[in-house]
Amino acid sequence: MMTEPAVETDRPRPRRSCLAVPGSSPRFLEKAQGLPADQVFLDLEDACAPLVKESARHTIVDALNTGDWSGKIRVVRVNDWTTHWTYRDVIRWSRVRAPAWTA
């Protein structure tokens, strides 16, 4: 089995392209893993209707913990601090395992 070499994280990485992905779409989250973007931002704010924000949190955490995001900078945009959704966004966000950020 071949493994991809580790990406150096102590130096700036290029962000030539940034892909915005709605956190409410498992299909888009899976597809984003294979697209040639330097950065992917997973959106809990504008891209998610109020009725799906709760499930989108779980979907994003699952995608980050189990997906292959090799070579991609990952960003999650939480809801605005003035909304009642923000607290849960941040608490749920803490469930992402640290190895998800080392690739």
PDB file of N, CA and C in Angstrom:
ATOM      1  N   MET A   1       0.835  -1.173   0.000  1.00  0.00           N
ATOM      2  CA  MET A   1       0.000   0.000   0.000  1.00  0.00           C
ATOM      3  C   MET A   1       0.882   1.240   0.000  1.00  0.00           C
ATOM      4  N   MET A   2       0.644   2.147  -0.918  1.00  0.00           N
ATOM      5  CA  MET A   2       1.417   3.382  -0.987  1.00  0.00           C
ATOM      6  C   MET A   2       0.728   4.459  -0.165  1.00  0.00           C
ATOM      7  N   THR A   3       1.528   5.249   0.505  1.00  0.00           N
ATOM      8  CA  THR A   3       0.972   6.363   1.258  1.00  0.00           C
ATOM      9  C   THR A   3       1.497   7.662   0.693  1.00  0.00           C
ATOM     10  N   GLU A   4       0.676   8.683   0.796  1.00  0.00           N
ATOM     11  CA  GLU A   4       1.067   9.995   0.315  1.00  0.00           C
ATOM     12  C   GLU A   4       2.030  10.625   1.314  1.00  0.00           C
ATOM     13  N   PRO A   5       3.087  11.293   0.848  1.00  0.00           N
ATOM     14  CA  PRO A   5       4.007  11.934   1.783  1.00  0.00           C
ATOM     15  C   PRO A   5       3.282  12.999   2.594  1.00  0.00           C
ATOM     16  N   ALA A   6       3.720  13.175   3.830  1.00  0.00           N
ATOM     17  CA  ALA A   6       3.109  14.175   4.709  1.00  0.00           C
ATOM     18  C   ALA A   6       3.332  15.575   4.143  1.00  0.00           C
ATOM     19  N   VAL A   7       2.347  16.421   4.307  1.00  0.00           N
ATOM     20  CA  VAL A   7       2.444  17.805   3.869  1.00  0.00           C
ATOM     21  C   VAL A   7       3.068  18.615   4.991  1.00  0.00           C
ATOM     22  N   GLU A   8       4.034  19.434   4.646  1.00  0.00           N
ATOM     23  CA  GLU A   8       4.663  20.279   5.654  1.00  0.00           C
ATOM     24  C   GLU A   8       3.650  21.311   6.124  1.00  0.00           C
ATOM     25  N   THR A   9       3.501  21.437   7.435  1.00  0.00           N
ATOM     26  CA  THR A   9       2.542  22.394   7.968  1.00  0.00           C
ATOM     27  C   THR A   9       3.209  23.594   8.614  1.00  0.00           C
ATOM     28  N   ASP A  10       4.535  23.629   8.618  1.00  0.00           N
ATOM     29  CA  ASP A  10       5.228  24.742   9.259  1.00  0.00           C
ATOM     30  C   ASP A  10       5.572  25.862   8.280  1.00  0.00           C
ATOM     31  N   ARG A  11       5.108  25.772   7.076  1.00  0.00           N
ATOM     32  CA  ARG A  11       5.346  26.840   6.101  1.00  0.00           C
ATOM     33  C   ARG A  11       4.021  27.190   5.428  1.00  0.00           C
ATOM     34  N   PRO A  12       3.917  28.399   4.932  1.00  0.00           N
ATOM     35  CA  PRO A  12       2.668  28.794   4.256  1.00  0.00           C
ATOM     36  C   PRO A  12       2.402  27.911   3.037  1.00  0.00           C
ATOM     37  N   ARG A  13       1.161  27.568   2.848  1.00  0.00           N
ATOM     38  CA  ARG A  13       0.773  26.789   1.672  1.00  0.00           C
ATOM     39  C   ARG A  13      -0.016  27.689   0.732  1.00  0.00           C
ATOM     40  N   PRO A  14       0.097  27.479  -0.561  1.00  0.00           N
ATOM     41  CA  PRO A  14      -0.618  28.338  -1.509  1.00  0.00           C
ATOM     42  C   PRO A  14      -2.129  28.158  -1.389  1.00  0.00           C
ATOM     43  N   ARG A  15      -2.834  29.228  -1.622  1.00  0.00           N
ATOM     44  CA  ARG A  15      -4.302  29.198  -1.658  1.00  0.00           C
ATOM     45  C   ARG A  15      -4.754  29.823  -2.975  1.00  0.00           C
ATOM     46  N   ARG A  16      -4.404  29.122  -4.029  1.00  0.00           N
ATOM     47  CA  ARG A  16      -4.726  29.614  -5.359  1.00  0.00           C
ATOM     48  C   ARG A  16      -6.203  29.471  -5.664  1.00  0.00           C
ATOM     49  N   SER A  17      -6.828  28.482  -5.034  1.00  0.00           N
ATOM     50  CA  SER A  17      -8.257  28.268  -5.261  1.00  0.00           C
ATOM     51  C   SER A  17      -8.920  27.892  -3.945  1.00  0.00           C
ATOM     52  N   CYS A  18     -10.122  28.420  -3.747  1.00  0.00           N
ATOM     53  CA  CYS A  18     -10.882  28.149  -2.534  1.00  0.00           C
ATOM     54  C   CYS A  18     -12.280  27.696  -2.954  1.00  0.00           C
ATOM     55  N   LEU A  19     -12.642  26.517  -2.510  1.00  0.00           N
ATOM     56  CA  LEU A  19     -13.926  25.934  -2.863  1.00  0.00           C
ATOM     57  C   LEU A  19     -14.877  26.053  -1.679  1.00  0.00           C
ATOM     58  N   ALA A  20     -16.020  26.678  -1.887  1.00  0.00           N
ATOM     59  CA  ALA A  20     -17.046  26.792  -0.844  1.00  0.00           C
ATOM     60  C   ALA A  20     -18.017  25.625  -0.987  1.00  0.00           C
ATOM     61  N   VAL A  21     -18.280  24.947   0.132  1.00  0.00           N
ATOM     62  CA  VAL A  21     -19.132  23.759   0.107  1.00  0.00           C
ATOM     63  C   VAL A  21     -20.194  23.873   1.195  1.00  0.00           C
ATOM     64  N   PRO A  22     -21.462  23.721   0.829  1.00  0.00           N
ATOM     65  CA  PRO A  22     -22.508  23.764   1.862  1.00  0.00           C
ATOM     66  C   PRO A  22     -22.399  22.564   2.799  1.00  0.00           C
ATOM     67  N   GLY A  23     -22.386  22.825   4.081  1.00  0.00           N
ATOM     68  CA  GLY A  23     -22.261  21.757   5.062  1.00  0.00           C
ATOM     69  C   GLY A  23     -23.451  20.834   5.128  1.00  0.00           C
ATOM     70  N   SER A  24     -24.527  21.210   4.496  1.00  0.00           N
ATOM     71  CA  SER A  24     -25.746  20.405   4.530  1.00  0.00           C
ATOM     72  C   SER A  24     -25.804  19.350   3.434  1.00  0.00           C
ATOM     73  N   SER A  25     -24.779  19.271   2.594  1.00  0.00           N
ATOM     74  CA  SER A  25     -24.810  18.342   1.469  1.00  0.00           C
ATOM     75  C   SER A  25     -23.697  17.290   1.553  1.00  0.00           C
ATOM     76  N   PRO A  26     -24.021  16.089   2.045  1.00  0.00           N
ATOM     77  CA  PRO A  26     -22.997  15.033   2.092  1.00  0.00           C
ATOM     78  C   PRO A  26     -22.395  14.751   0.717  1.00  0.00           C
ATOM     79  N   ARG A  27     -23.196  14.836  -0.319  1.00  0.00           N
ATOM     80  CA  ARG A  27     -22.715  14.575  -1.682  1.00  0.00           C
ATOM     81  C   ARG A  27     -21.655  15.604  -2.091  1.00  0.00           C
ATOM     82  N   PHE A  28     -21.916  16.884  -1.814  1.00  0.00           N
ATOM     83  CA  PHE A  28     -20.945  17.928  -2.157  1.00  0.00           C
ATOM     84  C   PHE A  28     -19.686  17.815  -1.297  1.00  0.00           C
ATOM     85  N   LEU A  29     -19.842  17.454  -0.028  1.00  0.00           N
ATOM     86  CA  LEU A  29     -18.680  17.287   0.848  1.00  0.00           C
ATOM     87  C   LEU A  29     -17.783  16.158   0.345  1.00  0.00           C
ATOM     88  N   GLU A  30     -18.385  15.083  -0.093  1.00  0.00           N
ATOM     89  CA  GLU A  30     -17.595  13.969  -0.615  1.00  0.00           C
ATOM     90  C   GLU A  30     -16.907  14.353  -1.922  1.00  0.00           C
ATOM     91  N   LYS A  31     -17.629  15.024  -2.797  1.00  0.00           N
ATOM     92  CA  LYS A  31     -17.050  15.426  -4.072  1.00  0.00           C
ATOM     93  C   LYS A  31     -15.891  16.411  -3.875  1.00  0.00           C
ATOM     94  N   ALA A  32     -16.019  17.314  -2.902  1.00  0.00           N
ATOM     95  CA  ALA A  32     -14.992  18.330  -2.652  1.00  0.00           C
ATOM     96  C   ALA A  32     -13.648  17.712  -2.297  1.00  0.00           C
ATOM     97  N   GLN A  33     -13.656  16.540  -1.683  1.00  0.00           N
ATOM     98  CA  GLN A  33     -12.408  15.892  -1.279  1.00  0.00           C
ATOM     99  C   GLN A  33     -11.530  15.552  -2.479  1.00  0.00           C
ATOM    100  N   GLY A  34     -12.132  15.288  -3.612  1.00  0.00           N
ATOM    101  CA  GLY A  34     -11.371  14.890  -4.790  1.00  0.00           C
ATOM    102  C   GLY A  34     -11.106  16.002  -5.784  1.00  0.00           C
ATOM    103  N   LEU A  35     -11.611  17.196  -5.526  1.00  0.00           N
ATOM    104  CA  LEU A  35     -11.403  18.302  -6.462  1.00  0.00           C
ATOM    105  C   LEU A  35     -10.072  18.995  -6.193  1.00  0.00           C
ATOM    106  N   PRO A  36      -9.448  19.551  -7.240  1.00  0.00           N
ATOM    107  CA  PRO A  36      -8.118  20.146  -7.095  1.00  0.00           C
ATOM    108  C   PRO A  36      -8.145  21.573  -6.543  1.00  0.00           C
ATOM    109  N   ALA A  37      -8.666  21.752  -5.343  1.00  0.00           N
ATOM    110  CA  ALA A  37      -8.675  23.071  -4.694  1.00  0.00           C
ATOM    111  C   ALA A  37      -7.635  23.077  -3.584  1.00  0.00           C
ATOM    112  N   ASP A  38      -6.975  24.202  -3.400  1.00  0.00           N
ATOM    113  CA  ASP A  38      -5.991  24.314  -2.320  1.00  0.00           C
ATOM    114  C   ASP A  38      -6.675  24.438  -0.963  1.00  0.00           C
ATOM    115  N   GLN A  39      -7.824  25.080  -0.943  1.00  0.00           N
ATOM    116  CA  GLN A  39      -8.557  25.288   0.305  1.00  0.00           C
ATOM    117  C   GLN A  39     -10.029  24.970   0.086  1.00  0.00           C
ATOM    118  N   VAL A  40     -10.624  24.358   1.082  1.00  0.00           N
ATOM    119  CA  VAL A  40     -12.058  24.067   1.042  1.00  0.00           C
ATOM    120  C   VAL A  40     -12.669  24.682   2.289  1.00  0.00           C
ATOM    121  N   PHE A  41     -13.713  25.511   2.096  1.00  0.00           N
ATOM    122  CA  PHE A  41     -14.379  25.992   3.290  1.00  0.00           C
ATOM    123  C   PHE A  41     -15.773  25.417   3.343  1.00  0.00           C
ATOM    124  N   LEU A  42     -16.031  24.781   4.474  1.00  0.00           N
ATOM    125  CA  LEU A  42     -17.287  24.092   4.721  1.00  0.00           C
ATOM    126  C   LEU A  42     -18.193  25.078   5.441  1.00  0.00           C
ATOM    127  N   ASP A  43     -19.333  25.359   4.835  1.00  0.00           N
ATOM    128  CA  ASP A  43     -20.171  26.466   5.275  1.00  0.00           C
ATOM    129  C   ASP A  43     -21.361  26.019   6.114  1.00  0.00           C
ATOM    130  N   LEU A  44     -21.444  26.538   7.331  1.00  0.00           N
ATOM    131  CA  LEU A  44     -22.612  26.324   8.190  1.00  0.00           C
ATOM    132  C   LEU A  44     -23.514  27.556   8.198  1.00  0.00           C
ATOM    133  N   GLU A  45     -23.063  28.642   7.612  1.00  0.00           N
ATOM    134  CA  GLU A  45     -23.800  29.893   7.714  1.00  0.00           C
ATOM    135  C   GLU A  45     -24.784  30.061   6.554  1.00  0.00           C
ATOM    136  N   ASP A  46     -24.424  30.824   5.555  1.00  0.00           N
ATOM    137  CA  ASP A  46     -25.355  31.178   4.481  1.00  0.00           C
ATOM    138  C   ASP A  46     -25.806  30.005   3.619  1.00  0.00           C
ATOM    139  N   ALA A  47     -24.984  28.994   3.492  1.00  0.00           N
ATOM    140  CA  ALA A  47     -25.308  27.876   2.613  1.00  0.00           C
ATOM    141  C   ALA A  47     -26.282  26.885   3.230  1.00  0.00           C
ATOM    142  N   CYS A  48     -26.607  27.051   4.515  1.00  0.00           N
ATOM    143  CA  CYS A  48     -27.500  26.114   5.204  1.00  0.00           C
ATOM    144  C   CYS A  48     -28.778  26.801   5.647  1.00  0.00           C
ATOM    145  N   ALA A  49     -29.886  26.245   5.239  1.00  0.00           N
ATOM    146  CA  ALA A  49     -31.181  26.761   5.690  1.00  0.00           C
ATOM    147  C   ALA A  49     -31.320  26.514   7.194  1.00  0.00           C
ATOM    148  N   PRO A  50     -32.056  27.357   7.893  1.00  0.00           N
ATOM    149  CA  PRO A  50     -32.205  27.193   9.347  1.00  0.00           C
ATOM    150  C   PRO A  50     -32.636  25.794   9.786  1.00  0.00           C
ATOM    151  N   LEU A  51     -33.471  25.142   9.026  1.00  0.00           N
ATOM    152  CA  LEU A  51     -33.970  23.826   9.430  1.00  0.00           C
ATOM    153  C   LEU A  51     -32.936  22.704   9.315  1.00  0.00           C
ATOM    154  N   VAL A  52     -31.849  22.933   8.589  1.00  0.00           N
ATOM    155  CA  VAL A  52     -30.837  21.886   8.420  1.00  0.00           C
ATOM    156  C   VAL A  52     -29.504  22.207   9.089  1.00  0.00           C
ATOM    157  N   LYS A  53     -29.428  23.312   9.811  1.00  0.00           N
ATOM    158  CA  LYS A  53     -28.163  23.692  10.447  1.00  0.00           C
ATOM    159  C   LYS A  53     -27.682  22.639  11.441  1.00  0.00           C
ATOM    160  N   GLU A  54     -28.583  22.074  12.232  1.00  0.00           N
ATOM    161  CA  GLU A  54     -28.199  21.051  13.217  1.00  0.00           C
ATOM    162  C   GLU A  54     -27.604  19.824  12.530  1.00  0.00           C
ATOM    163  N   SER A  55     -28.258  19.312  11.526  1.00  0.00           N
ATOM    164  CA  SER A  55     -27.740  18.126  10.835  1.00  0.00           C
ATOM    165  C   SER A  55     -26.457  18.451  10.067  1.00  0.00           C
ATOM    166  N   ALA A  56     -26.340  19.684   9.564  1.00  0.00           N
ATOM    167  CA  ALA A  56     -25.128  20.074   8.832  1.00  0.00           C
ATOM    168  C   ALA A  56     -23.903  20.036   9.742  1.00  0.00           C
ATOM    169  N   ARG A  57     -24.071  20.412  11.002  1.00  0.00           N
ATOM    170  CA  ARG A  57     -22.946  20.339  11.950  1.00  0.00           C
ATOM    171  C   ARG A  57     -22.409  18.920  12.027  1.00  0.00           C
ATOM    172  N   HIS A  58     -23.309  17.967  12.185  1.00  0.00           N
ATOM    173  CA  HIS A  58     -22.911  16.555  12.293  1.00  0.00           C
ATOM    174  C   HIS A  58     -22.291  16.068  10.980  1.00  0.00           C
ATOM    175  N   THR A  59     -22.856  16.496   9.877  1.00  0.00           N
ATOM    176  CA  THR A  59     -22.359  16.085   8.565  1.00  0.00           C
ATOM    177  C   THR A  59     -20.931  16.570   8.344  1.00  0.00           C
ATOM    178  N   ILE A  60     -20.648  17.804   8.718  1.00  0.00           N
ATOM    179  CA  ILE A  60     -19.302  18.364   8.552  1.00  0.00           C
ATOM    180  C   ILE A  60     -18.295  17.648   9.452  1.00  0.00           C
ATOM    181  N   VAL A  61     -18.643  17.450  10.708  1.00  0.00           N
ATOM    182  CA  VAL A  61     -17.727  16.773  11.631  1.00  0.00           C
ATOM    183  C   VAL A  61     -17.428  15.362  11.128  1.00  0.00           C
ATOM    184  N   ASP A  62     -18.452  14.661  10.679  1.00  0.00           N
ATOM    185  CA  ASP A  62     -18.244  13.311  10.145  1.00  0.00           C
ATOM    186  C   ASP A  62     -17.343  13.339   8.911  1.00  0.00           C
ATOM    187  N   ALA A  63     -17.588  14.285   8.001  1.00  0.00           N
ATOM    188  CA  ALA A  63     -16.771  14.375   6.781  1.00  0.00           C
ATOM    189  C   ALA A  63     -15.314  14.678   7.116  1.00  0.00           C
ATOM    190  N   LEU A  64     -15.076  15.550   8.076  1.00  0.00           N
ATOM    191  CA  LEU A  64     -13.700  15.877   8.446  1.00  0.00           C
ATOM    192  C   LEU A  64     -13.007  14.724   9.150  1.00  0.00           C
ATOM    193  N   ASN A  65     -13.746  13.992   9.961  1.00  0.00           N
ATOM    194  CA  ASN A  65     -13.143  12.876  10.705  1.00  0.00           C
ATOM    195  C   ASN A  65     -12.915  11.635   9.852  1.00  0.00           C
ATOM    196  N   THR A  66     -13.700  11.432   8.823  1.00  0.00           N
ATOM    197  CA  THR A  66     -13.594  10.194   8.050  1.00  0.00           C
ATOM    198  C   THR A  66     -13.133  10.385   6.608  1.00  0.00           C
ATOM    199  N   GLY A  67     -13.168  11.609   6.117  1.00  0.00           N
ATOM    200  CA  GLY A  67     -12.830  11.854   4.717  1.00  0.00           C
ATOM    201  C   GLY A  67     -11.334  11.956   4.469  1.00  0.00           C
ATOM    202  N   ASP A  68     -10.968  11.971   3.194  1.00  0.00           N
ATOM    203  CA  ASP A  68      -9.575  12.127   2.784  1.00  0.00           C
ATOM    204  C   ASP A  68      -9.396  13.541   2.229  1.00  0.00           C
ATOM    205  N   TRP A  69      -8.895  14.418   3.072  1.00  0.00           N
ATOM    206  CA  TRP A  69      -8.706  15.819   2.707  1.00  0.00           C
ATOM    207  C   TRP A  69      -7.230  16.115   2.442  1.00  0.00           C
ATOM    208  N   SER A  70      -6.490  15.119   2.040  1.00  0.00           N
ATOM    209  CA  SER A  70      -5.038  15.244   1.833  1.00  0.00           C
ATOM    210  C   SER A  70      -4.686  16.463   0.980  1.00  0.00           C
ATOM    211  N   GLY A  71      -3.769  17.258   1.509  1.00  0.00           N
ATOM    212  CA  GLY A  71      -3.266  18.396   0.763  1.00  0.00           C
ATOM    213  C   GLY A  71      -4.180  19.600   0.724  1.00  0.00           C
ATOM    214  N   LYS A  72      -5.315  19.548   1.396  1.00  0.00           N
ATOM    215  CA  LYS A  72      -6.255  20.661   1.358  1.00  0.00           C
ATOM    216  C   LYS A  72      -6.301  21.376   2.707  1.00  0.00           C
ATOM    217  N   ILE A  73      -6.313  22.688   2.653  1.00  0.00           N
ATOM    218  CA  ILE A  73      -6.556  23.472   3.850  1.00  0.00           C
ATOM    219  C   ILE A  73      -8.056  23.436   4.082  1.00  0.00           C
ATOM    220  N   ARG A  74      -8.456  23.112   5.309  1.00  0.00           N
ATOM    221  CA  ARG A  74      -9.875  23.040   5.628  1.00  0.00           C
ATOM    222  C   ARG A  74     -10.271  24.180   6.548  1.00  0.00           C
ATOM    223  N   VAL A  75     -11.404  24.800   6.237  1.00  0.00           N
ATOM    224  CA  VAL A  75     -11.936  25.908   7.024  1.00  0.00           C
ATOM    225  C   VAL A  75     -13.413  25.642   7.217  1.00  0.00           C
ATOM    226  N   VAL A  76     -13.927  25.937   8.414  1.00  0.00           N
ATOM    227  CA  VAL A  76     -15.367  25.842   8.650  1.00  0.00           C
ATOM    228  C   VAL A  76     -15.865  27.224   9.024  1.00  0.00           C
ATOM    229  N   ARG A  77     -16.864  27.680   8.298  1.00  0.00           N
ATOM    230  CA  ARG A  77     -17.476  28.974   8.618  1.00  0.00           C
ATOM    231  C   ARG A  77     -18.696  28.718   9.487  1.00  0.00           C
ATOM    232  N   VAL A  78     -18.631  29.199  10.724  1.00  0.00           N
ATOM    233  CA  VAL A  78     -19.746  29.042  11.649  1.00  0.00           C
ATOM    234  C   VAL A  78     -20.697  30.224  11.492  1.00  0.00           C
ATOM    235  N   ASN A  79     -21.853  30.113  12.131  1.00  0.00           N
ATOM    236  CA  ASN A  79     -22.841  31.186  12.078  1.00  0.00           C
ATOM    237  C   ASN A  79     -22.365  32.416  12.852  1.00  0.00           C
ATOM    238  N   ASP A  80     -22.932  33.532  12.518  1.00  0.00           N
ATOM    239  CA  ASP A  80     -22.607  34.805  13.153  1.00  0.00           C
ATOM    240  C   ASP A  80     -22.773  34.733  14.672  1.00  0.00           C
ATOM    241  N   TRP A  81     -21.876  35.404  15.406  1.00  0.00           N
ATOM    242  CA  TRP A  81     -21.898  35.369  16.873  1.00  0.00           C
ATOM    243  C   TRP A  81     -23.202  35.879  17.465  1.00  0.00           C
ATOM    244  N   THR A  82     -23.937  36.680  16.719  1.00  0.00           N
ATOM    245  CA  THR A  82     -25.180  37.240  17.260  1.00  0.00           C
ATOM    246  C   THR A  82     -26.377  36.307  17.100  1.00  0.00           C
ATOM    247  N   THR A  83     -26.174  35.153  16.514  1.00  0.00           N
ATOM    248  CA  THR A  83     -27.284  34.205  16.336  1.00  0.00           C
ATOM    249  C   THR A  83     -27.272  33.150  17.426  1.00  0.00           C
ATOM    250  N   HIS A  84     -28.379  32.472  17.588  1.00  0.00           N
ATOM    251  CA  HIS A  84     -28.466  31.402  18.595  1.00  0.00           C
ATOM    252  C   HIS A  84     -27.809  30.101  18.125  1.00  0.00           C
ATOM    253  N   TRP A  85     -27.356  30.026  16.890  1.00  0.00           N
ATOM    254  CA  TRP A  85     -26.731  28.817  16.355  1.00  0.00           C
ATOM    255  C   TRP A  85     -25.235  28.717  16.675  1.00  0.00           C
ATOM    256  N   THR A  86     -24.602  29.845  16.920  1.00  0.00           N
ATOM    257  CA  THR A  86     -23.147  29.874  17.036  1.00  0.00           C
ATOM    258  C   THR A  86     -22.598  28.969  18.133  1.00  0.00           C
ATOM    259  N   TYR A  87     -23.177  29.022  19.306  1.00  0.00           N
ATOM    260  CA  TYR A  87     -22.680  28.223  20.429  1.00  0.00           C
ATOM    261  C   TYR A  87     -22.617  26.750  20.049  1.00  0.00           C
ATOM    262  N   ARG A  88     -23.694  26.221  19.496  1.00  0.00           N
ATOM    263  CA  ARG A  88     -23.723  24.808  19.094  1.00  0.00           C
ATOM    264  C   ARG A  88     -22.737  24.527  17.967  1.00  0.00           C
ATOM    265  N   ASP A  89     -22.548  25.476  17.054  1.00  0.00           N
ATOM    266  CA  ASP A  89     -21.553  25.292  15.985  1.00  0.00           C
ATOM    267  C   ASP A  89     -20.174  25.042  16.601  1.00  0.00           C
ATOM    268  N   VAL A  90     -19.799  25.877  17.551  1.00  0.00           N
ATOM    269  CA  VAL A  90     -18.465  25.784  18.147  1.00  0.00           C
ATOM    270  C   VAL A  90     -18.329  24.524  19.003  1.00  0.00           C
ATOM    271  N   ILE A  91     -19.362  24.207  19.783  1.00  0.00           N
ATOM    272  CA  ILE A  91     -19.314  22.998  20.614  1.00  0.00           C
ATOM    273  C   ILE A  91     -19.193  21.755  19.735  1.00  0.00           C
ATOM    274  N   ARG A  92     -19.962  21.670  18.677  1.00  0.00           N
ATOM    275  CA  ARG A  92     -19.920  20.522  17.774  1.00  0.00           C
ATOM    276  C   ARG A  92     -18.570  20.448  17.086  1.00  0.00           C
ATOM    277  N   TRP A  93     -18.058  21.612  16.740  1.00  0.00           N
ATOM    278  CA  TRP A  93     -16.773  21.724  16.061  1.00  0.00           C
ATOM    279  C   TRP A  93     -15.656  21.109  16.895  1.00  0.00           C
ATOM    280  N   SER A  94     -15.773  21.173  18.209  1.00  0.00           N
ATOM    281  CA  SER A  94     -14.742  20.613  19.078  1.00  0.00           C
ATOM    282  C   SER A  94     -14.676  19.095  18.992  1.00  0.00           C
ATOM    283  N   ARG A  95     -15.612  18.468  18.309  1.00  0.00           N
ATOM    284  CA  ARG A  95     -15.627  17.009  18.152  1.00  0.00           C
ATOM    285  C   ARG A  95     -14.767  16.519  16.993  1.00  0.00           C
ATOM    286  N   VAL A  96     -14.156  17.435  16.268  1.00  0.00           N
ATOM    287  CA  VAL A  96     -13.290  17.035  15.160  1.00  0.00           C
ATOM    288  C   VAL A  96     -11.978  16.535  15.758  1.00  0.00           C
ATOM    289  N   ARG A  97     -11.583  15.340  15.356  1.00  0.00           N
ATOM    290  CA  ARG A  97     -10.330  14.754  15.849  1.00  0.00           C
ATOM    291  C   ARG A  97      -9.134  15.512  15.279  1.00  0.00           C
ATOM    292  N   ALA A  98      -8.127  15.704  16.092  1.00  0.00           N
ATOM    293  CA  ALA A  98      -6.942  16.464  15.706  1.00  0.00           C
ATOM    294  C   ALA A  98      -6.283  15.973  14.417  1.00  0.00           C
ATOM    295  N   PRO A  99      -6.171  14.650  14.152  1.00  0.00           N
ATOM    296  CA  PRO A  99      -5.516  14.235  12.905  1.00  0.00           C
ATOM    297  C   PRO A  99      -6.179  14.793  11.649  1.00  0.00           C
ATOM    298  N   ALA A 100      -7.426  15.195  11.736  1.00  0.00           N
ATOM    299  CA  ALA A 100      -8.091  15.766  10.569  1.00  0.00           C
ATOM    300  C   ALA A 100      -7.414  17.055  10.115  1.00  0.00           C
ATOM    301  N   TRP A 101      -6.621  17.677  10.986  1.00  0.00           N
ATOM    302  CA  TRP A 101      -5.994  18.947  10.651  1.00  0.00           C
ATOM    303  C   TRP A 101      -4.521  18.825  10.297  1.00  0.00           C
ATOM    304  N   THR A 102      -3.960  17.646  10.373  1.00  0.00           N
ATOM    305  CA  THR A 102      -2.527  17.510  10.112  1.00  0.00           C
ATOM    306  C   THR A 102      -2.199  17.231   8.664  1.00  0.00           C
ATOM    307  N   ALA A 103      -3.172  16.880   7.856  1.00  0.00           N
ATOM    308  CA  ALA A 103      -2.894  16.543   6.454  1.00  0.00           C
ATOM    309  C   ALA A 103      -2.746  17.792   5.610  1.00  0.00           C
TER     310      ALA A 103
END
